[in-house]
Every structure is written in C-alpha cells, then in structure tokens.
C-alpha atoms as a PDB file:
ATOM      1  CA  MET A   1       5.570 -20.470  -2.565  1.00  0.00           C
ATOM      2  CA  ASP A   2       8.906 -20.307  -4.351  1.00  0.00           C
ATOM      3  CA  MET A   3       9.260 -16.727  -5.604  1.00  0.00           C
ATOM      4  CA  THR A   4      12.460 -17.326  -7.561  1.00  0.00           C
ATOM      5  CA  GLY A   5      12.382 -15.306 -10.780  1.00  0.00           C
ATOM      6  CA  ARG A   6       9.508 -13.142  -9.604  1.00  0.00           C
ATOM      7  CA  THR A   7       9.898  -9.375  -9.261  1.00  0.00           C
ATOM      8  CA  CYS A   8       8.191  -7.630  -6.355  1.00  0.00           C
ATOM      9  CA  ILE A   9       7.913  -3.847  -6.047  1.00  0.00           C
ATOM     10  CA  VAL A  10       7.249  -2.748  -2.464  1.00  0.00           C
ATOM     11  CA  THR A  11       6.632   0.736  -1.089  1.00  0.00           C
ATOM     12  CA  GLY A  12       7.299   1.528   2.554  1.00  0.00           C
ATOM     13  CA  ALA A  13       9.693  -1.410   2.881  1.00  0.00           C
ATOM     14  CA  THR A  14      12.259   0.045   5.280  1.00  0.00           C
ATOM     15  CA  SER A  15      10.356  -0.446   8.545  1.00  0.00           C
ATOM     16  CA  GLY A  16       7.380  -2.114  10.204  1.00  0.00           C
ATOM     17  CA  ILE A  17       5.240  -4.562   8.297  1.00  0.00           C
ATOM     18  CA  GLY A  18       6.838  -3.515   5.000  1.00  0.00           C
ATOM     19  CA  ARG A  19      10.250  -4.560   6.267  1.00  0.00           C
ATOM     20  CA  ALA A  20       8.879  -7.841   7.616  1.00  0.00           C
ATOM     21  CA  THR A  21       7.143  -8.517   4.302  1.00  0.00           C
ATOM     22  CA  VAL A  22      10.218  -7.962   2.149  1.00  0.00           C
ATOM     23  CA  GLY A  23      12.148 -10.203   4.535  1.00  0.00           C
ATOM     24  CA  ALA A  24       9.722 -13.036   3.789  1.00  0.00           C
ATOM     25  CA  LEU A  25       9.732 -12.339   0.047  1.00  0.00           C
ATOM     26  CA  ASN A  26      13.519 -12.321   0.123  1.00  0.00           C
ATOM     27  CA  SER A  27      13.616 -15.673   1.913  1.00  0.00           C
ATOM     28  CA  ALA A  28      11.306 -17.072  -0.763  1.00  0.00           C
ATOM     29  CA  GLY A  29      13.768 -16.051  -3.489  1.00  0.00           C
ATOM     30  CA  ALA A  30      12.027 -13.005  -4.938  1.00  0.00           C
ATOM     31  CA  ARG A  31      13.779 -10.208  -6.747  1.00  0.00           C
ATOM     32  CA  LEU A  32      13.018  -7.098  -4.680  1.00  0.00           C
ATOM     33  CA  VAL A  33      12.554  -3.535  -5.868  1.00  0.00           C
ATOM     34  CA  LEU A  34      12.193  -1.134  -2.956  1.00  0.00           C
ATOM     35  CA  VAL A  35      10.612   2.300  -3.351  1.00  0.00           C
ATOM     36  CA  ALA A  36      11.661   4.466  -0.421  1.00  0.00           C
ATOM     37  CA  ARG A  37      11.930   8.105   0.618  1.00  0.00           C
ATOM     38  CA  ASN A  38      14.952   7.854   2.910  1.00  0.00           C
ATOM     39  CA  ALA A  39      18.172   6.831   1.155  1.00  0.00           C
ATOM     40  CA  GLU A  40      19.968   5.856   4.355  1.00  0.00           C
ATOM     41  CA  LYS A  41      17.172   3.595   5.582  1.00  0.00           C
ATOM     42  CA  ALA A  42      16.766   2.070   2.128  1.00  0.00           C
ATOM     43  CA  GLU A  43      20.454   1.220   1.868  1.00  0.00           C
ATOM     44  CA  LEU A  44      20.444  -0.273   5.362  1.00  0.00           C
ATOM     45  CA  THR A  45      17.450  -2.425   4.429  1.00  0.00           C
ATOM     46  CA  ARG A  46      19.153  -3.551   1.228  1.00  0.00           C
ATOM     47  CA  LYS A  47      22.300  -4.555   3.155  1.00  0.00           C
ATOM     48  CA  GLU A  48      20.255  -6.433   5.757  1.00  0.00           C
ATOM     49  CA  LEU A  49      18.417  -8.354   3.060  1.00  0.00           C
ATOM     50  CA  LEU A  50      21.676  -9.227   1.323  1.00  0.00           C
ATOM     51  CA  ALA A  51      23.057 -10.468   4.636  1.00  0.00           C
ATOM     52  CA  GLU A  52      20.016 -12.718   4.937  1.00  0.00           C
ATOM     53  CA  ARG A  53      20.400 -13.985   1.341  1.00  0.00           C
ATOM     54  CA  PRO A  54      23.751 -13.079  -0.256  1.00  0.00           C
ATOM     55  CA  ASP A  55      22.637 -13.992  -3.784  1.00  0.00           C
ATOM     56  CA  ALA A  56      19.548 -11.774  -3.588  1.00  0.00           C
ATOM     57  CA  GLU A  57      18.837  -9.258  -6.345  1.00  0.00           C
ATOM     58  CA  ILE A  58      17.672  -6.054  -4.689  1.00  0.00           C
ATOM     59  CA  SER A  59      17.373  -2.578  -6.134  1.00  0.00           C
ATOM     60  CA  VAL A  60      16.305   0.703  -4.555  1.00  0.00           C
ATOM     61  CA  HIS A  61      14.464   3.632  -6.113  1.00  0.00           C
ATOM     62  CA  LEU A  62      14.049   6.834  -4.136  1.00  0.00           C
ATOM     63  CA  ALA A  63      10.825   8.813  -4.297  1.00  0.00           C
ATOM     64  CA  ASP A  64       8.678  10.935  -2.022  1.00  0.00           C
ATOM     65  CA  LEU A  65       5.224   9.441  -2.514  1.00  0.00           C
ATOM     66  CA  SER A  66       3.556  12.570  -1.166  1.00  0.00           C
ATOM     67  CA  ARG A  67       4.422  14.226  -4.484  1.00  0.00           C
ATOM     68  CA  LEU A  68       2.695  13.227  -7.703  1.00  0.00           C
ATOM     69  CA  ASP A  69       5.641  14.491  -9.745  1.00  0.00           C
ATOM     70  CA  GLU A  70       7.957  12.190  -7.776  1.00  0.00           C
ATOM     71  CA  ILE A  71       5.759   9.194  -8.560  1.00  0.00           C
ATOM     72  CA  ARG A  72       5.733  10.154 -12.233  1.00  0.00           C
ATOM     73  CA  ARG A  73       9.519  10.527 -12.132  1.00  0.00           C
ATOM     74  CA  VAL A  74      10.245   7.180 -10.495  1.00  0.00           C
ATOM     75  CA  VAL A  75       7.857   5.050 -12.566  1.00  0.00           C
ATOM     76  CA  PRO A  76       9.924   5.188 -15.814  1.00  0.00           C
ATOM     77  CA  ALA A  77      12.960   4.111 -13.791  1.00  0.00           C
ATOM     78  CA  LEU A  78      10.957   1.231 -12.338  1.00  0.00           C
ATOM     79  CA  LEU A  79       9.804   0.167 -15.790  1.00  0.00           C
ATOM     80  CA  GLU A  80      13.379   0.248 -17.077  1.00  0.00           C
ATOM     81  CA  ASP A  81      14.517  -1.788 -14.080  1.00  0.00           C
ATOM     82  CA  CYS A  82      11.657  -4.314 -14.215  1.00  0.00           C
ATOM     83  CA  PRO A  83      11.047  -6.204 -17.471  1.00  0.00           C
ATOM     84  CA  ARG A  84       8.286  -7.934 -15.540  1.00  0.00           C
ATOM     85  CA  ILE A  85       6.348  -7.088 -12.375  1.00  0.00           C
ATOM     86  CA  ASP A  86       4.834 -10.025 -10.526  1.00  0.00           C
ATOM     87  CA  VAL A  87       3.819  -8.249  -7.322  1.00  0.00           C
ATOM     88  CA  LEU A  88       3.111  -4.618  -6.526  1.00  0.00           C
ATOM     89  CA  LEU A  89       2.660  -4.118  -2.784  1.00  0.00           C
ATOM     90  CA  ASN A  90       1.245  -0.690  -1.937  1.00  0.00           C
ATOM     91  CA  ASN A  91       2.315  -0.538   1.694  1.00  0.00           C
ATOM     92  CA  ALA A  92       3.523   3.000   2.486  1.00  0.00           C
ATOM     93  CA  GLY A  93       1.152   5.081   4.595  1.00  0.00           C
ATOM     94  CA  ILE A  94       0.802   7.748   7.266  1.00  0.00           C
ATOM     95  CA  VAL A  95      -1.442   8.749  10.173  1.00  0.00           C
ATOM     96  CA  MET A  96      -1.774  12.442  11.017  1.00  0.00           C
ATOM     97  CA  MET A  97      -3.780  13.873  13.916  1.00  0.00           C
ATOM     98  CA  LYS A  98      -3.615  17.406  12.503  1.00  0.00           C
ATOM     99  CA  ARG A  99      -4.643  18.366   8.992  1.00  0.00           C
ATOM    100  CA  THR A 100      -1.698  18.858   6.659  1.00  0.00           C
ATOM    101  CA  VAL A 101      -1.518  18.953   2.893  1.00  0.00           C
ATOM    102  CA  THR A 102       0.813  17.439   0.320  1.00  0.00           C
ATOM    103  CA  PRO A 103       2.862  19.633  -2.044  1.00  0.00           C
ATOM    104  CA  ASP A 104       0.056  19.102  -4.571  1.00  0.00           C
ATOM    105  CA  GLY A 105      -2.515  20.481  -2.137  1.00  0.00           C
ATOM    106  CA  PHE A 106      -4.253  17.238  -1.142  1.00  0.00           C
ATOM    107  CA  GLU A 107      -5.012  16.376   2.479  1.00  0.00           C
ATOM    108  CA  SER A 108      -1.964  14.310   3.410  1.00  0.00           C
ATOM    109  CA  MET A 109      -3.588  10.996   4.353  1.00  0.00           C
ATOM    110  CA  PHE A 110      -5.830  11.039   1.301  1.00  0.00           C
ATOM    111  CA  GLY A 111      -2.863  12.003  -0.881  1.00  0.00           C
ATOM    112  CA  ILE A 112      -0.350   9.448   0.423  1.00  0.00           C
ATOM    113  CA  ASN A 113      -2.587   6.590   1.567  1.00  0.00           C
ATOM    114  CA  HIS A 114      -4.870   6.666  -1.470  1.00  0.00           C
ATOM    115  CA  LEU A 115      -3.739   8.809  -4.388  1.00  0.00           C
ATOM    116  CA  ALA A 116      -0.167   7.483  -4.279  1.00  0.00           C
ATOM    117  CA  TYR A 117      -1.521   3.909  -4.453  1.00  0.00           C
ATOM    118  CA  TYR A 118      -3.829   4.905  -7.282  1.00  0.00           C
ATOM    119  CA  LEU A 119      -1.256   6.725  -9.416  1.00  0.00           C
ATOM    120  CA  MET A 120       1.597   4.262  -8.862  1.00  0.00           C
ATOM    121  CA  THR A 121      -0.630   1.311  -9.726  1.00  0.00           C
ATOM    122  CA  ARG A 122      -2.132   2.873 -12.803  1.00  0.00           C
ATOM    123  CA  LEU A 123       1.230   3.949 -14.223  1.00  0.00           C
ATOM    124  CA  LEU A 124       2.651   0.433 -13.711  1.00  0.00           C
ATOM    125  CA  LEU A 125      -0.486  -1.439 -14.732  1.00  0.00           C
ATOM    126  CA  ASP A 126       0.372  -2.195 -18.360  1.00  0.00           C
ATOM    127  CA  ARG A 127       3.655  -3.821 -17.309  1.00  0.00           C
ATOM    128  CA  ILE A 128       1.947  -5.754 -14.513  1.00  0.00           C
ATOM    129  CA  ALA A 129      -0.713  -7.009 -16.920  1.00  0.00           C
ATOM    130  CA  GLU A 130       1.966  -8.447 -19.205  1.00  0.00           C
ATOM    131  CA  SER A 131       2.584 -11.168 -16.600  1.00  0.00           C
ATOM    132  CA  PRO A 132      -0.593 -13.213 -15.993  1.00  0.00           C
ATOM    133  CA  GLY A 133      -0.650 -14.337 -12.395  1.00  0.00           C
ATOM    134  CA  SER A 134       0.669 -11.008 -11.149  1.00  0.00           C
ATOM    135  CA  ARG A 135      -0.777  -9.556  -7.979  1.00  0.00           C
ATOM    136  CA  ILE A 136      -1.546  -6.045  -6.732  1.00  0.00           C
ATOM    137  CA  VAL A 137      -1.817  -5.885  -2.953  1.00  0.00           C
ATOM    138  CA  SER A 138      -2.773  -2.765  -1.003  1.00  0.00           C
ATOM    139  CA  VAL A 139      -2.559  -2.355   2.751  1.00  0.00           C
ATOM    140  CA  SER A 140      -5.851  -0.984   4.075  1.00  0.00           C
ATOM    141  CA  SER A 141      -7.138  -1.128   7.662  1.00  0.00           C
ATOM    142  CA  GLU A 142     -10.105  -1.916   9.890  1.00  0.00           C
ATOM    143  CA  ALA A 143      -9.966   1.829  10.543  1.00  0.00           C
ATOM    144  CA  HIS A 144     -12.125   2.096   7.414  1.00  0.00           C
ATOM    145  CA  ARG A 145     -15.012   1.334   9.786  1.00  0.00           C
ATOM    146  CA  PHE A 146     -14.458   4.771  11.398  1.00  0.00           C
ATOM    147  CA  ALA A 147     -14.944   6.533   8.074  1.00  0.00           C
ATOM    148  CA  LYS A 148     -17.527   9.265   7.579  1.00  0.00           C
ATOM    149  CA  TRP A 149     -17.445   9.526   3.810  1.00  0.00           C
ATOM    150  CA  ASP A 150     -18.309  12.747   2.003  1.00  0.00           C
ATOM    151  CA  PHE A 151     -17.639  13.004  -1.726  1.00  0.00           C
ATOM    152  CA  GLU A 152     -18.080  16.761  -1.416  1.00  0.00           C
ATOM    153  CA  ASP A 153     -15.237  17.020   1.123  1.00  0.00           C
ATOM    154  CA  LEU A 154     -12.610  14.406   0.203  1.00  0.00           C
ATOM    155  CA  GLN A 155      -9.853  16.794   1.300  1.00  0.00           C
ATOM    156  CA  SER A 156     -11.445  17.275   4.752  1.00  0.00           C
ATOM    157  CA  GLU A 157     -11.478  21.051   4.407  1.00  0.00           C
ATOM    158  CA  LYS A 158     -14.894  21.434   6.061  1.00  0.00           C
ATOM    159  CA  SER A 159     -14.254  19.041   8.902  1.00  0.00           C
ATOM    160  CA  PHE A 160     -11.184  17.168  10.163  1.00  0.00           C
ATOM    161  CA  SER A 161     -10.779  14.404  12.739  1.00  0.00           C
ATOM    162  CA  GLY A 162      -7.543  12.416  12.542  1.00  0.00           C
ATOM    163  CA  MET A 163      -8.910   8.879  12.942  1.00  0.00           C
ATOM    164  CA  ARG A 164     -11.975   9.580  10.812  1.00  0.00           C
ATOM    165  CA  VAL A 165      -9.882  10.962   7.965  1.00  0.00           C
ATOM    166  CA  TYR A 166      -7.404   8.088   8.303  1.00  0.00           C
ATOM    167  CA  GLY A 167     -10.404   5.752   8.127  1.00  0.00           C
ATOM    168  CA  ASN A 168     -11.573   7.534   4.975  1.00  0.00           C
ATOM    169  CA  SER A 169      -8.191   6.931   3.330  1.00  0.00           C
ATOM    170  CA  LYS A 170      -8.314   3.240   4.241  1.00  0.00           C
ATOM    171  CA  LEU A 171     -11.880   2.988   2.958  1.00  0.00           C
ATOM    172  CA  ALA A 172     -10.585   4.503  -0.274  1.00  0.00           C
ATOM    173  CA  ASN A 173      -8.029   1.660  -0.479  1.00  0.00           C
ATOM    174  CA  ILE A 174     -10.842  -0.904  -0.466  1.00  0.00           C
ATOM    175  CA  MET A 175     -12.934   1.016  -2.986  1.00  0.00           C
ATOM    176  CA  PHE A 176      -9.909   1.386  -5.238  1.00  0.00           C
ATOM    177  CA  THR A 177      -9.084  -2.313  -4.970  1.00  0.00           C
ATOM    178  CA  ARG A 178     -12.599  -3.359  -5.895  1.00  0.00           C
ATOM    179  CA  ALA A 179     -12.829  -0.967  -8.852  1.00  0.00           C
ATOM    180  CA  LEU A 180      -9.399  -2.132 -10.025  1.00  0.00           C
ATOM    181  CA  ALA A 181     -10.353  -5.802  -9.724  1.00  0.00           C
ATOM    182  CA  LYS A 182     -13.343  -5.230 -11.995  1.00  0.00           C
ATOM    183  CA  ARG A 183     -11.059  -3.709 -14.611  1.00  0.00           C
ATOM    184  CA  LEU A 184      -8.671  -6.680 -14.327  1.00  0.00           C
ATOM    185  CA  GLU A 185     -11.299  -9.377 -14.835  1.00  0.00           C
ATOM    186  CA  GLY A 186     -10.128 -11.888 -17.422  1.00  0.00           C
ATOM    187  CA  THR A 187      -6.492 -10.728 -17.398  1.00  0.00           C
ATOM    188  CA  GLY A 188      -5.145 -13.210 -14.856  1.00  0.00           C
ATOM    189  CA  VAL A 189      -4.002 -10.332 -12.644  1.00  0.00           C
ATOM    190  CA  THR A 190      -5.517  -9.987  -9.173  1.00  0.00           C
ATOM    191  CA  ALA A 191      -6.036  -7.040  -6.823  1.00  0.00           C
ATOM    192  CA  ASN A 192      -6.685  -7.494  -3.107  1.00  0.00           C
ATOM    193  CA  CYS A 193      -6.338  -5.473   0.079  1.00  0.00           C
ATOM    194  CA  LEU A 194      -5.940  -6.213   3.765  1.00  0.00           C
ATOM    195  CA  HIS A 195      -5.986  -5.186   7.383  1.00  0.00           C
ATOM    196  CA  PRO A 196      -2.627  -6.026   9.006  1.00  0.00           C
ATOM    197  CA  GLY A 197      -3.902  -5.736  12.573  1.00  0.00           C
ATOM    198  CA  ALA A 198      -2.899  -3.262  15.255  1.00  0.00           C
ATOM    199  CA  VAL A 199       0.853  -3.420  14.762  1.00  0.00           C
ATOM    200  CA  ASP A 200       3.794  -1.919  16.666  1.00  0.00           C
ATOM    201  CA  THR A 201       5.303   0.241  13.908  1.00  0.00           C
ATOM    202  CA  ASN A 202       6.476   3.827  13.454  1.00  0.00           C
ATOM    203  CA  LEU A 203       3.131   4.772  11.908  1.00  0.00           C
ATOM    204  CA  GLY A 204       2.033   7.978  13.577  1.00  0.00           C
ATOM    205  CA  GLN A 205       5.492   8.993  14.761  1.00  0.00           C
ATOM    206  CA  ASP A 206       5.107  12.486  13.296  1.00  0.00           C
ATOM    207  CA  ASN A 207       2.278  13.373  15.675  1.00  0.00           C
ATOM    208  CA  GLY A 208       4.349  15.030  18.380  1.00  0.00           C
ATOM    209  CA  TRP A 209       4.970  14.443  22.055  1.00  0.00           C
ATOM    210  CA  LEU A 210       1.686  12.661  22.808  1.00  0.00           C
ATOM    211  CA  PHE A 211       2.541   9.792  20.469  1.00  0.00           C
ATOM    212  CA  LYS A 212       5.974   9.475  22.057  1.00  0.00           C
ATOM    213  CA  VAL A 213       4.467   9.362  25.565  1.00  0.00           C
ATOM    214  CA  ILE A 214       1.653   6.926  24.784  1.00  0.00           C
ATOM    215  CA  HIS A 215       3.474   4.586  22.399  1.00  0.00           C
ATOM    216  CA  PRO A 216       5.591   2.696  25.005  1.00  0.00           C
ATOM    217  CA  PHE A 217       2.352   1.739  26.773  1.00  0.00           C
ATOM    218  CA  THR A 218       0.191   0.952  23.759  1.00  0.00           C
ATOM    219  CA  LYS A 219       2.890  -1.217  22.196  1.00  0.00           C
ATOM    220  CA  LEU A 220       2.308  -3.757  24.970  1.00  0.00           C
ATOM    221  CA  PHE A 221      -1.012  -4.577  23.268  1.00  0.00           C
ATOM    222  CA  LEU A 222       0.157  -4.469  19.656  1.00  0.00           C
ATOM    223  CA  ARG A 223       1.178  -7.218  17.276  1.00  0.00           C
ATOM    224  CA  SER A 224       4.767  -7.494  16.134  1.00  0.00           C
ATOM    225  CA  PRO A 225       5.560  -6.361  12.586  1.00  0.00           C
ATOM    226  CA  GLU A 226       6.209 -10.021  11.720  1.00  0.00           C
ATOM    227  CA  ASP A 227       2.687 -10.974  12.831  1.00  0.00           C
ATOM    228  CA  GLY A 228       1.222  -7.933  11.137  1.00  0.00           C
ATOM    229  CA  ALA A 229       2.918  -8.810   7.856  1.00  0.00           C
ATOM    230  CA  LYS A 230       1.425 -12.296   7.614  1.00  0.00           C
ATOM    231  CA  THR A 231      -1.607 -11.280   5.570  1.00  0.00           C
ATOM    232  CA  SER A 232       0.465  -9.141   3.198  1.00  0.00           C
ATOM    233  CA  ILE A 233       2.821 -12.079   2.698  1.00  0.00           C
ATOM    234  CA  HIS A 234      -0.135 -14.415   2.164  1.00  0.00           C
ATOM    235  CA  LEU A 235      -1.618 -12.206  -0.545  1.00  0.00           C
ATOM    236  CA  CYS A 236       1.748 -11.685  -2.252  1.00  0.00           C
ATOM    237  CA  MET A 237       2.768 -15.347  -2.338  1.00  0.00           C
ATOM    238  CA  SER A 238       0.184 -17.940  -1.378  1.00  0.00           C
ATOM    239  CA  PRO A 239      -1.202 -20.212  -4.112  1.00  0.00           C
ATOM    240  CA  GLU A 240      -4.451 -20.309  -2.113  1.00  0.00           C
ATOM    241  CA  VAL A 241      -5.355 -16.813  -3.324  1.00  0.00           C
ATOM    242  CA  ALA A 242      -3.990 -17.039  -6.858  1.00  0.00           C
ATOM    243  CA  ASP A 243      -7.489 -16.685  -8.325  1.00  0.00           C
ATOM    244  CA  VAL A 244      -9.018 -14.413  -5.679  1.00  0.00           C
ATOM    245  CA  SER A 245      -9.512 -10.758  -6.562  1.00  0.00           C
ATOM    246  CA  GLY A 246     -11.362  -7.713  -5.270  1.00  0.00           C
ATOM    247  CA  THR A 247     -11.381  -9.021  -1.700  1.00  0.00           C
ATOM    248  CA  TYR A 248     -10.570  -7.549   1.706  1.00  0.00           C
ATOM    249  CA  PHE A 249      -8.564  -9.823   4.037  1.00  0.00           C
ATOM    250  CA  GLN A 250      -7.783  -9.985   7.736  1.00  0.00           C
ATOM    251  CA  ASN A 251      -5.702 -12.696   9.444  1.00  0.00           C
ATOM    252  CA  GLU A 252      -5.147 -14.329   6.049  1.00  0.00           C
ATOM    253  CA  LYS A 253      -8.910 -14.818   5.580  1.00  0.00           C
ATOM    254  CA  PRO A 254     -11.517 -12.877   3.608  1.00  0.00           C
ATOM    255  CA  ARG A 255     -13.452 -10.420   5.781  1.00  0.00           C
ATOM    256  CA  ARG A 256     -16.528  -8.435   4.926  1.00  0.00           C
ATOM    257  CA  PRO A 257     -15.833  -4.689   4.990  1.00  0.00           C
ATOM    258  CA  THR A 258     -18.514  -2.037   5.507  1.00  0.00           C
ATOM    259  CA  ASP A 259     -21.482  -1.627   3.202  1.00  0.00           C
ATOM    260  CA  LEU A 260     -19.969   1.561   1.774  1.00  0.00           C
ATOM    261  CA  ALA A 261     -16.745  -0.299   0.963  1.00  0.00           C
ATOM    262  CA  LEU A 262     -18.891  -2.705  -1.079  1.00  0.00           C
ATOM    263  CA  ASP A 263     -20.788   0.049  -2.898  1.00  0.00           C
ATOM    264  CA  ASP A 264     -19.854  -0.344  -6.574  1.00  0.00           C
ATOM    265  CA  ASP A 265     -21.231   3.058  -7.533  1.00  0.00           C
ATOM    266  CA  ALA A 266     -19.178   4.784  -4.826  1.00  0.00           C
ATOM    267  CA  ALA A 267     -16.053   2.887  -5.867  1.00  0.00           C
ATOM    268  CA  GLU A 268     -16.542   3.897  -9.477  1.00  0.00           C
ATOM    269  CA  ARG A 269     -17.145   7.531  -8.532  1.00  0.00           C
ATOM    270  CA  LEU A 270     -13.953   7.559  -6.458  1.00  0.00           C
ATOM    271  CA  TRP A 271     -12.029   6.019  -9.391  1.00  0.00           C
ATOM    272  CA  GLN A 272     -13.257   8.749 -11.724  1.00  0.00           C
ATOM    273  CA  MET A 273     -12.514  11.537  -9.258  1.00  0.00           C
ATOM    274  CA  SER A 274      -9.056  10.136  -8.467  1.00  0.00           C
ATOM    275  CA  ALA A 275      -8.224   9.986 -12.166  1.00  0.00           C
ATOM    276  CA  GLU A 276      -9.114  13.649 -12.505  1.00  0.00           C
ATOM    277  CA  MET A 277      -7.043  14.576  -9.440  1.00  0.00           C
ATOM    278  CA  VAL A 278      -3.898  12.909 -10.808  1.00  0.00           C
ATOM    279  CA  ASP A 279      -4.574  13.989 -14.406  1.00  0.00           C
ATOM    280  CA  LEU A 280      -5.159  10.557 -15.931  1.00  0.00           C
ATOM    281  CA  ALA A 281      -7.902   9.334 -18.223  1.00  0.00           C
ATOM    282  CA  PRO A 282     -10.484   7.327 -16.260  1.00  0.00           C
END
C-alpha cells in the first residue's frame, strides 16, 4: 500500500519490531511521528530513516509513557503537529520479573502496556476519527494465554508472577481493542491488535543478570525484528484489513484469543475501570 500523505504515530519505534515497522512505513512513503523516551535513540532512528528515504517527513516527540502526566503533555504537541492521523501504532511495552510501580502508583506492566495505550488512544481519538479509514493498532501477545485475571487485583498487589502479570497486560490490550472497536462502529476507523511472535528484541533487558546470561542462547530460537514486525505492518497498511476491526491477529491472519479476551462484559468493565484510573469520562 502506498502510504504517501498518510501520518503514522508510533510508540516504541527506536528498537525491535517498532523500528522494523517504521522502516517499512517509511519505505511506503508515510509521514512518521515517533513518540520516544530516549532523545539520543530517537534522533538516531530519525537519521537512519532519512538515510533510507531522504525526502521523508519525520518528527520526534519525547515522552515517558510510564507517566500519565507525560502522555497528557505530549498529546497537545502531537495534535498540533498532526492535522490528520491515519495510523496510531501502540507498540511500546515492557516485561518485568519483579513488581515495580509507575510514578502514578500502577503496577508497571499494567501501567505501561495497557493504561498508556488506553490514555494515548483516547486523547487522540477525535483527531483519528476525523480521517475515515484510519487505523488503531495495538501490539498484544500470545502471553495473554498465561493470564490469571482478577478485577479485584489489577495492580497485582496480592499476588505477583512476572509472566502471569505480563500476560494480564497483554490480555488487557485485546479487551481494550475489542471495546474500542465497538465504539468505532460506523465511523470508518478500525482497531485491531496482534501477536508479533517470539522476537529477538530488548524487551526484558531491565531484568538483571539472568536476562543477560540467558538471552544469547534464547535468541537462537527467536524471530528477527523484521519477521516480528510483519503483522504490525500488515495491520497498519494492508488493504486486505481495511474493513476489519476488533480482531486479534497472528502471522498476518486472524486468530482466536482466549474466551476471557472475547468476554464483552469483561472488556466493558475494564474500559470503565481504566477510564476512572486515568481520570477520563467512560
């Protein structure tokens, strides 16, 4: 698909599948707006993309997505920079094996992997909806199948297991996508999510010496970021999915998630609770 004239906002674009995805969007002619935490990495990514396509239009906005106030600060700048938004790719995420909390007091994976997606999308939604055919894509994971969901303990204060809580955050991505898609019915805007595969990225690099010891061995069995980005690219660009919404994808094909991920009542309850957490009207 020719993306010339289309504006794509991407979080987590400086490494891994995010970097591979913006490379493909850049090659297709898109205007890129990168939301990043690290200024040095963001500028390096911008220069690399310009080297790949010298006439590219690329802007960078810095924000720490673990902080709700940072998301609220950067969104007005994004709206000023983007008269239209054709793609929002919620890609940034973390894995933590020990429980930590965000500056706002949320368990870190729930806060960054879910609430940041939720708040960023909702604050940009009116602008996105002004361009029928726009797409909202959120990177989830097959790890949602490890989830042990408890609405009474969304911050994992009673019990914490790294992969289970990561799975909960990725389950939340699917619930959020499905609740969002229902709200977008009839607008021409779609919302989908995906599993990128087990990819060799820096995800999990903050988990100490064990990650550093194991990673050189596990990477032998992992997909490259370019392979892992294929489904994100497909959902951002392909005409095949222009009218598909509320769906979970793997390997560029729809895939059935867990029964809980398909529970409309649970998705709606999470939407309402998330709105309260980030101080928005439902």
